[in-house]
Amino acid sequence: MPEDPDERVGLIRSLIDRLQLAWRLFQDGRVNLGLKLIPLLSVVYIFSPLDILSEVLFPVLGPLVIADDLTIIVAGLTLFIQSAPTDVVTEHLRAIRSRLTSGEADPSADVGEVVDVDAEVLD
């Protein structure tokens, strides 16, 4: 983990952006259903009682393999994003970045129906 607080914030922001992008791609009908298995299998691995990666790498890396779950998630998200159609990824990246620069809420988030009314105070 970087010692500079700005670098840590950058890493966290990058992970959050990657999660948002993956979520948007997962919900997008233009992304192949088979590709959507990649992040699902990553999550299944984390909750699985089998920890194959740790068992294989533990003799080599020792206690460092504790981070294998995070590695699986990052690798799964990266593979999923890189395998998705480039134009769809670009579209969602632009939407995420424009939302961040404009300070607006995520338009894909379901916020329910907005009702605009005039109110009058009664005594």
N, C-alpha and C. Protein backbone atom coordinates (compact mmCIF):
# COMPACT_ATOMS: atom_id res chain seq x y z
N MET A 1 0.85 -1.18 0.00
CA MET A 1 0.00 0.00 0.00
C MET A 1 0.89 1.24 0.00
N PRO A 2 0.62 2.21 -0.85
CA PRO A 2 1.42 3.42 -0.89
C PRO A 2 1.32 4.19 0.42
N GLU A 3 2.42 4.86 0.77
CA GLU A 3 2.45 5.62 2.01
C GLU A 3 1.87 7.01 1.83
N ASP A 4 1.94 7.56 0.63
CA ASP A 4 1.40 8.89 0.35
C ASP A 4 -0.13 8.84 0.38
N PRO A 5 -0.77 9.67 1.22
CA PRO A 5 -2.24 9.65 1.30
C PRO A 5 -2.92 9.90 -0.05
N ASP A 6 -2.33 10.77 -0.87
CA ASP A 6 -2.93 11.05 -2.19
C ASP A 6 -2.91 9.80 -3.07
N GLU A 7 -1.84 9.02 -2.98
CA GLU A 7 -1.77 7.79 -3.77
C GLU A 7 -2.81 6.78 -3.28
N ARG A 8 -3.00 6.70 -1.96
CA ARG A 8 -4.00 5.78 -1.41
C ARG A 8 -5.40 6.17 -1.88
N VAL A 9 -5.69 7.47 -1.86
CA VAL A 9 -6.99 7.95 -2.32
C VAL A 9 -7.16 7.62 -3.79
N GLY A 10 -6.09 7.78 -4.56
CA GLY A 10 -6.14 7.45 -5.99
C GLY A 10 -6.43 5.97 -6.23
N LEU A 11 -5.81 5.11 -5.43
CA LEU A 11 -6.05 3.67 -5.57
C LEU A 11 -7.49 3.32 -5.20
N ILE A 12 -7.98 3.93 -4.12
CA ILE A 12 -9.36 3.67 -3.69
C ILE A 12 -10.33 4.19 -4.75
N ARG A 13 -10.08 5.40 -5.26
CA ARG A 13 -10.94 5.97 -6.30
C ARG A 13 -10.94 5.08 -7.54
N SER A 14 -9.77 4.57 -7.90
CA SER A 14 -9.66 3.70 -9.07
C SER A 14 -10.46 2.41 -8.87
N LEU A 15 -10.38 1.85 -7.68
CA LEU A 15 -11.14 0.63 -7.39
C LEU A 15 -12.64 0.90 -7.42
N ILE A 16 -13.06 2.03 -6.87
CA ILE A 16 -14.49 2.40 -6.89
C ILE A 16 -14.96 2.60 -8.33
N ASP A 17 -14.16 3.30 -9.13
CA ASP A 17 -14.52 3.51 -10.54
C ASP A 17 -14.62 2.17 -11.27
N ARG A 18 -13.70 1.27 -10.99
CA ARG A 18 -13.72 -0.04 -11.64
C ARG A 18 -14.96 -0.83 -11.24
N LEU A 19 -15.33 -0.75 -9.96
CA LEU A 19 -16.54 -1.43 -9.49
C LEU A 19 -17.78 -0.84 -10.15
N GLN A 20 -17.83 0.50 -10.25
CA GLN A 20 -18.98 1.15 -10.91
C GLN A 20 -19.06 0.73 -12.38
N LEU A 21 -17.93 0.74 -13.04
CA LEU A 21 -17.90 0.36 -14.46
C LEU A 21 -18.35 -1.09 -14.63
N ALA A 22 -17.83 -1.97 -13.80
CA ALA A 22 -18.21 -3.38 -13.89
C ALA A 22 -19.70 -3.56 -13.63
N TRP A 23 -20.23 -2.84 -12.65
CA TRP A 23 -21.66 -2.95 -12.34
C TRP A 23 -22.50 -2.48 -13.53
N ARG A 24 -22.11 -1.36 -14.12
CA ARG A 24 -22.84 -0.85 -15.28
C ARG A 24 -22.77 -1.83 -16.45
N LEU A 25 -21.59 -2.41 -16.67
CA LEU A 25 -21.44 -3.39 -17.75
C LEU A 25 -22.26 -4.64 -17.47
N PHE A 26 -22.29 -5.04 -16.20
CA PHE A 26 -23.04 -6.23 -15.82
C PHE A 26 -24.53 -6.04 -16.10
N GLN A 27 -25.02 -4.83 -15.94
CA GLN A 27 -26.44 -4.54 -16.18
C GLN A 27 -26.76 -4.28 -17.64
N ASP A 28 -25.75 -4.05 -18.45
CA ASP A 28 -25.93 -3.69 -19.85
C ASP A 28 -26.23 -4.94 -20.68
N GLY A 29 -27.33 -4.91 -21.41
CA GLY A 29 -27.74 -6.03 -22.23
C GLY A 29 -26.84 -6.28 -23.43
N ARG A 30 -26.01 -5.32 -23.78
CA ARG A 30 -25.11 -5.49 -24.92
C ARG A 30 -23.88 -6.33 -24.57
N VAL A 31 -23.67 -6.58 -23.29
CA VAL A 31 -22.54 -7.40 -22.86
C VAL A 31 -23.00 -8.86 -22.81
N ASN A 32 -22.21 -9.72 -23.43
CA ASN A 32 -22.51 -11.14 -23.54
C ASN A 32 -22.72 -11.76 -22.16
N LEU A 33 -23.72 -12.60 -22.06
CA LEU A 33 -24.05 -13.27 -20.80
C LEU A 33 -22.88 -14.12 -20.30
N GLY A 34 -22.17 -14.75 -21.22
CA GLY A 34 -21.01 -15.56 -20.83
C GLY A 34 -19.94 -14.73 -20.14
N LEU A 35 -19.74 -13.51 -20.61
CA LEU A 35 -18.76 -12.62 -19.97
C LEU A 35 -19.19 -12.24 -18.56
N LYS A 36 -20.48 -12.17 -18.35
CA LYS A 36 -20.98 -11.78 -17.03
C LYS A 36 -20.71 -12.85 -15.98
N LEU A 37 -20.33 -14.04 -16.44
CA LEU A 37 -19.96 -15.10 -15.50
C LEU A 37 -18.63 -14.81 -14.80
N ILE A 38 -17.77 -14.02 -15.43
CA ILE A 38 -16.45 -13.74 -14.86
C ILE A 38 -16.55 -13.10 -13.48
N PRO A 39 -17.26 -11.97 -13.33
CA PRO A 39 -17.35 -11.40 -11.98
C PRO A 39 -18.13 -12.28 -11.02
N LEU A 40 -19.13 -13.00 -11.54
CA LEU A 40 -19.89 -13.91 -10.68
C LEU A 40 -19.00 -15.02 -10.11
N LEU A 41 -18.18 -15.59 -10.96
CA LEU A 41 -17.29 -16.66 -10.52
C LEU A 41 -16.24 -16.12 -9.53
N SER A 42 -15.84 -14.88 -9.71
CA SER A 42 -14.90 -14.26 -8.76
C SER A 42 -15.53 -14.18 -7.37
N VAL A 43 -16.77 -13.75 -7.32
CA VAL A 43 -17.48 -13.65 -6.04
C VAL A 43 -17.71 -15.04 -5.44
N VAL A 44 -18.07 -16.00 -6.28
CA VAL A 44 -18.28 -17.37 -5.80
C VAL A 44 -16.99 -17.91 -5.19
N TYR A 45 -15.85 -17.64 -5.83
CA TYR A 45 -14.57 -18.11 -5.31
C TYR A 45 -14.30 -17.54 -3.91
N ILE A 46 -14.61 -16.29 -3.73
CA ILE A 46 -14.36 -15.65 -2.43
C ILE A 46 -15.17 -16.31 -1.32
N PHE A 47 -16.41 -16.64 -1.60
CA PHE A 47 -17.27 -17.23 -0.59
C PHE A 47 -17.18 -18.75 -0.53
N SER A 48 -16.40 -19.32 -1.43
CA SER A 48 -16.23 -20.76 -1.47
C SER A 48 -15.34 -21.22 -0.32
N PRO A 49 -15.66 -22.37 0.28
CA PRO A 49 -14.80 -22.90 1.34
C PRO A 49 -13.45 -23.39 0.79
N LEU A 50 -13.38 -23.64 -0.52
CA LEU A 50 -12.13 -24.04 -1.14
C LEU A 50 -11.28 -22.80 -1.39
N ASP A 51 -10.05 -22.85 -0.99
CA ASP A 51 -9.15 -21.71 -1.20
C ASP A 51 -7.93 -22.22 -1.95
N ILE A 52 -8.16 -22.58 -3.20
CA ILE A 52 -7.15 -23.23 -4.02
C ILE A 52 -5.91 -22.36 -4.19
N LEU A 53 -6.11 -21.10 -4.48
CA LEU A 53 -4.98 -20.21 -4.71
C LEU A 53 -4.08 -20.12 -3.48
N SER A 54 -4.67 -20.00 -2.30
CA SER A 54 -3.88 -19.92 -1.07
C SER A 54 -3.10 -21.21 -0.83
N GLU A 55 -3.74 -22.35 -1.08
CA GLU A 55 -3.08 -23.63 -0.85
C GLU A 55 -1.90 -23.83 -1.79
N VAL A 56 -2.02 -23.34 -3.01
CA VAL A 56 -0.94 -23.49 -3.99
C VAL A 56 0.20 -22.51 -3.69
N LEU A 57 -0.14 -21.27 -3.37
CA LEU A 57 0.87 -20.23 -3.20
C LEU A 57 1.42 -20.10 -1.78
N PHE A 58 0.75 -20.65 -0.78
CA PHE A 58 1.18 -20.46 0.60
C PHE A 58 2.62 -20.91 0.84
N PRO A 59 3.01 -22.08 0.31
CA PRO A 59 4.40 -22.49 0.54
C PRO A 59 5.41 -21.51 -0.08
N VAL A 60 5.02 -20.83 -1.14
CA VAL A 60 5.93 -19.92 -1.83
C VAL A 60 5.91 -18.52 -1.21
N LEU A 61 4.72 -17.97 -1.01
CA LEU A 61 4.58 -16.58 -0.57
C LEU A 61 4.27 -16.42 0.91
N GLY A 62 3.95 -17.49 1.57
CA GLY A 62 3.65 -17.41 3.00
C GLY A 62 2.41 -16.58 3.28
N PRO A 63 2.47 -15.73 4.32
CA PRO A 63 1.28 -14.98 4.74
C PRO A 63 0.78 -13.94 3.73
N LEU A 64 1.56 -13.66 2.70
CA LEU A 64 1.13 -12.67 1.71
C LEU A 64 -0.10 -13.12 0.93
N VAL A 65 -0.40 -14.41 0.94
CA VAL A 65 -1.53 -14.91 0.16
C VAL A 65 -2.87 -14.56 0.80
N ILE A 66 -2.84 -13.92 1.95
CA ILE A 66 -4.09 -13.49 2.58
C ILE A 66 -4.83 -12.53 1.65
N ALA A 67 -4.10 -11.83 0.85
CA ALA A 67 -4.70 -10.86 -0.07
C ALA A 67 -5.21 -11.51 -1.35
N ASP A 68 -5.26 -12.86 -1.38
CA ASP A 68 -5.67 -13.51 -2.63
C ASP A 68 -7.10 -13.20 -3.01
N ASP A 69 -7.99 -13.00 -2.03
CA ASP A 69 -9.38 -12.67 -2.36
C ASP A 69 -9.46 -11.34 -3.09
N LEU A 70 -8.73 -10.35 -2.61
CA LEU A 70 -8.70 -9.05 -3.28
C LEU A 70 -8.10 -9.19 -4.67
N THR A 71 -7.07 -10.00 -4.78
CA THR A 71 -6.44 -10.23 -6.09
C THR A 71 -7.43 -10.86 -7.07
N ILE A 72 -8.20 -11.82 -6.60
CA ILE A 72 -9.20 -12.48 -7.45
C ILE A 72 -10.25 -11.48 -7.92
N ILE A 73 -10.71 -10.64 -7.00
CA ILE A 73 -11.72 -9.63 -7.37
C ILE A 73 -11.17 -8.67 -8.41
N VAL A 74 -9.97 -8.13 -8.17
CA VAL A 74 -9.38 -7.17 -9.11
C VAL A 74 -9.12 -7.84 -10.46
N ALA A 75 -8.58 -9.06 -10.43
CA ALA A 75 -8.31 -9.76 -11.69
C ALA A 75 -9.61 -10.08 -12.44
N GLY A 76 -10.63 -10.50 -11.69
CA GLY A 76 -11.92 -10.80 -12.33
C GLY A 76 -12.55 -9.57 -12.96
N LEU A 77 -12.51 -8.45 -12.22
CA LEU A 77 -13.08 -7.21 -12.77
C LEU A 77 -12.29 -6.74 -13.99
N THR A 78 -10.96 -6.84 -13.90
CA THR A 78 -10.13 -6.42 -15.03
C THR A 78 -10.40 -7.26 -16.27
N LEU A 79 -10.47 -8.57 -16.08
CA LEU A 79 -10.74 -9.47 -17.21
C LEU A 79 -12.13 -9.19 -17.79
N PHE A 80 -13.11 -8.99 -16.93
CA PHE A 80 -14.47 -8.70 -17.38
C PHE A 80 -14.52 -7.40 -18.18
N ILE A 81 -13.91 -6.36 -17.66
CA ILE A 81 -13.93 -5.05 -18.33
C ILE A 81 -13.17 -5.12 -19.66
N GLN A 82 -12.02 -5.78 -19.67
CA GLN A 82 -11.23 -5.88 -20.91
C GLN A 82 -11.90 -6.77 -21.95
N SER A 83 -12.74 -7.70 -21.52
CA SER A 83 -13.41 -8.61 -22.45
C SER A 83 -14.71 -8.04 -23.00
N ALA A 84 -15.26 -7.04 -22.33
CA ALA A 84 -16.51 -6.43 -22.77
C ALA A 84 -16.27 -5.63 -24.06
N PRO A 85 -17.32 -5.42 -24.84
CA PRO A 85 -17.16 -4.64 -26.07
C PRO A 85 -16.60 -3.24 -25.78
N THR A 86 -15.59 -2.87 -26.54
CA THR A 86 -14.87 -1.61 -26.31
C THR A 86 -15.79 -0.40 -26.36
N ASP A 87 -16.71 -0.37 -27.32
CA ASP A 87 -17.60 0.79 -27.44
C ASP A 87 -18.52 0.92 -26.23
N VAL A 88 -18.94 -0.21 -25.68
CA VAL A 88 -19.82 -0.18 -24.50
C VAL A 88 -19.03 0.29 -23.28
N VAL A 89 -17.80 -0.21 -23.14
CA VAL A 89 -16.94 0.22 -22.02
C VAL A 89 -16.68 1.72 -22.12
N THR A 90 -16.36 2.20 -23.31
CA THR A 90 -16.08 3.62 -23.51
C THR A 90 -17.29 4.47 -23.16
N GLU A 91 -18.46 4.03 -23.57
CA GLU A 91 -19.70 4.77 -23.28
C GLU A 91 -19.91 4.89 -21.76
N HIS A 92 -19.74 3.79 -21.05
CA HIS A 92 -19.95 3.82 -19.61
C HIS A 92 -18.85 4.61 -18.89
N LEU A 93 -17.61 4.51 -19.37
CA LEU A 93 -16.53 5.30 -18.77
C LEU A 93 -16.80 6.79 -18.91
N ARG A 94 -17.26 7.20 -20.09
CA ARG A 94 -17.59 8.62 -20.30
C ARG A 94 -18.70 9.07 -19.36
N ALA A 95 -19.70 8.23 -19.19
CA ALA A 95 -20.82 8.57 -18.30
C ALA A 95 -20.34 8.70 -16.85
N ILE A 96 -19.48 7.79 -16.42
CA ILE A 96 -18.96 7.85 -15.05
C ILE A 96 -18.11 9.08 -14.87
N ARG A 97 -17.23 9.36 -15.81
CA ARG A 97 -16.33 10.53 -15.70
C ARG A 97 -17.10 11.84 -15.78
N SER A 98 -18.11 11.91 -16.63
CA SER A 98 -18.88 13.16 -16.72
C SER A 98 -19.68 13.39 -15.45
N ARG A 99 -20.15 12.32 -14.86
CA ARG A 99 -20.88 12.44 -13.60
C ARG A 99 -19.95 12.93 -12.50
N LEU A 100 -18.72 12.42 -12.49
CA LEU A 100 -17.76 12.84 -11.47
C LEU A 100 -17.36 14.30 -11.63
N THR A 101 -17.18 14.75 -12.88
CA THR A 101 -16.75 16.13 -13.08
C THR A 101 -17.89 17.12 -12.91
N SER A 102 -19.12 16.68 -13.16
CA SER A 102 -20.25 17.59 -13.02
C SER A 102 -20.84 17.55 -11.62
N GLY A 103 -20.49 16.52 -10.85
CA GLY A 103 -21.03 16.40 -9.50
C GLY A 103 -22.46 15.90 -9.46
N GLU A 104 -22.96 15.41 -10.57
CA GLU A 104 -24.33 14.91 -10.63
C GLU A 104 -24.40 13.49 -10.10
N ALA A 105 -25.59 13.09 -9.74
CA ALA A 105 -25.83 11.71 -9.31
C ALA A 105 -25.76 10.80 -10.52
N ASP A 106 -25.53 9.53 -10.29
CA ASP A 106 -25.46 8.53 -11.34
C ASP A 106 -26.84 8.39 -11.99
N PRO A 107 -26.97 8.69 -13.30
CA PRO A 107 -28.27 8.61 -13.94
C PRO A 107 -28.81 7.20 -14.03
N SER A 108 -27.95 6.19 -13.90
CA SER A 108 -28.44 4.83 -13.97
C SER A 108 -29.00 4.35 -12.64
N ALA A 109 -28.75 5.13 -11.59
CA ALA A 109 -29.28 4.74 -10.28
C ALA A 109 -30.78 5.00 -10.24
N ASP A 110 -31.50 4.06 -9.68
CA ASP A 110 -32.95 4.19 -9.60
C ASP A 110 -33.29 5.02 -8.36
N VAL A 111 -33.72 6.23 -8.58
CA VAL A 111 -34.05 7.11 -7.45
C VAL A 111 -35.55 7.22 -7.25
N GLY A 112 -36.30 6.50 -8.03
CA GLY A 112 -37.76 6.56 -7.89
C GLY A 112 -38.33 7.74 -8.66
N GLU A 113 -39.61 7.95 -8.48
CA GLU A 113 -40.30 9.02 -9.18
C GLU A 113 -40.12 10.33 -8.43
N VAL A 114 -39.85 11.39 -9.17
CA VAL A 114 -39.70 12.71 -8.58
C VAL A 114 -41.01 13.47 -8.77
N VAL A 115 -41.51 14.02 -7.68
CA VAL A 115 -42.75 14.77 -7.74
C VAL A 115 -42.43 16.22 -7.41
N ASP A 116 -42.78 17.12 -8.33
CA ASP A 116 -42.53 18.54 -8.14
C ASP A 116 -43.85 19.20 -7.74
N VAL A 117 -43.88 19.81 -6.55
CA VAL A 117 -45.12 20.42 -6.06
C VAL A 117 -44.81 21.79 -5.48
N ASP A 118 -45.83 22.63 -5.43
CA ASP A 118 -45.74 23.90 -4.73
C ASP A 118 -46.37 23.70 -3.36
N ALA A 119 -45.68 24.20 -2.34
CA ALA A 119 -46.19 24.02 -0.99
C ALA A 119 -46.66 25.36 -0.41
N GLU A 120 -47.64 25.29 0.43
CA GLU A 120 -48.17 26.49 1.07
C GLU A 120 -48.25 26.21 2.56
N VAL A 121 -47.76 27.15 3.38
CA VAL A 121 -47.79 26.98 4.83
C VAL A 121 -49.17 27.44 5.34
N LEU A 122 -49.83 26.57 6.07
CA LEU A 122 -51.12 26.89 6.66
C LEU A 122 -50.95 27.15 8.15
N ASP A 123 -51.67 28.15 8.67
CA ASP A 123 -51.60 28.43 10.11
C ASP A 123 -52.62 27.64 10.86
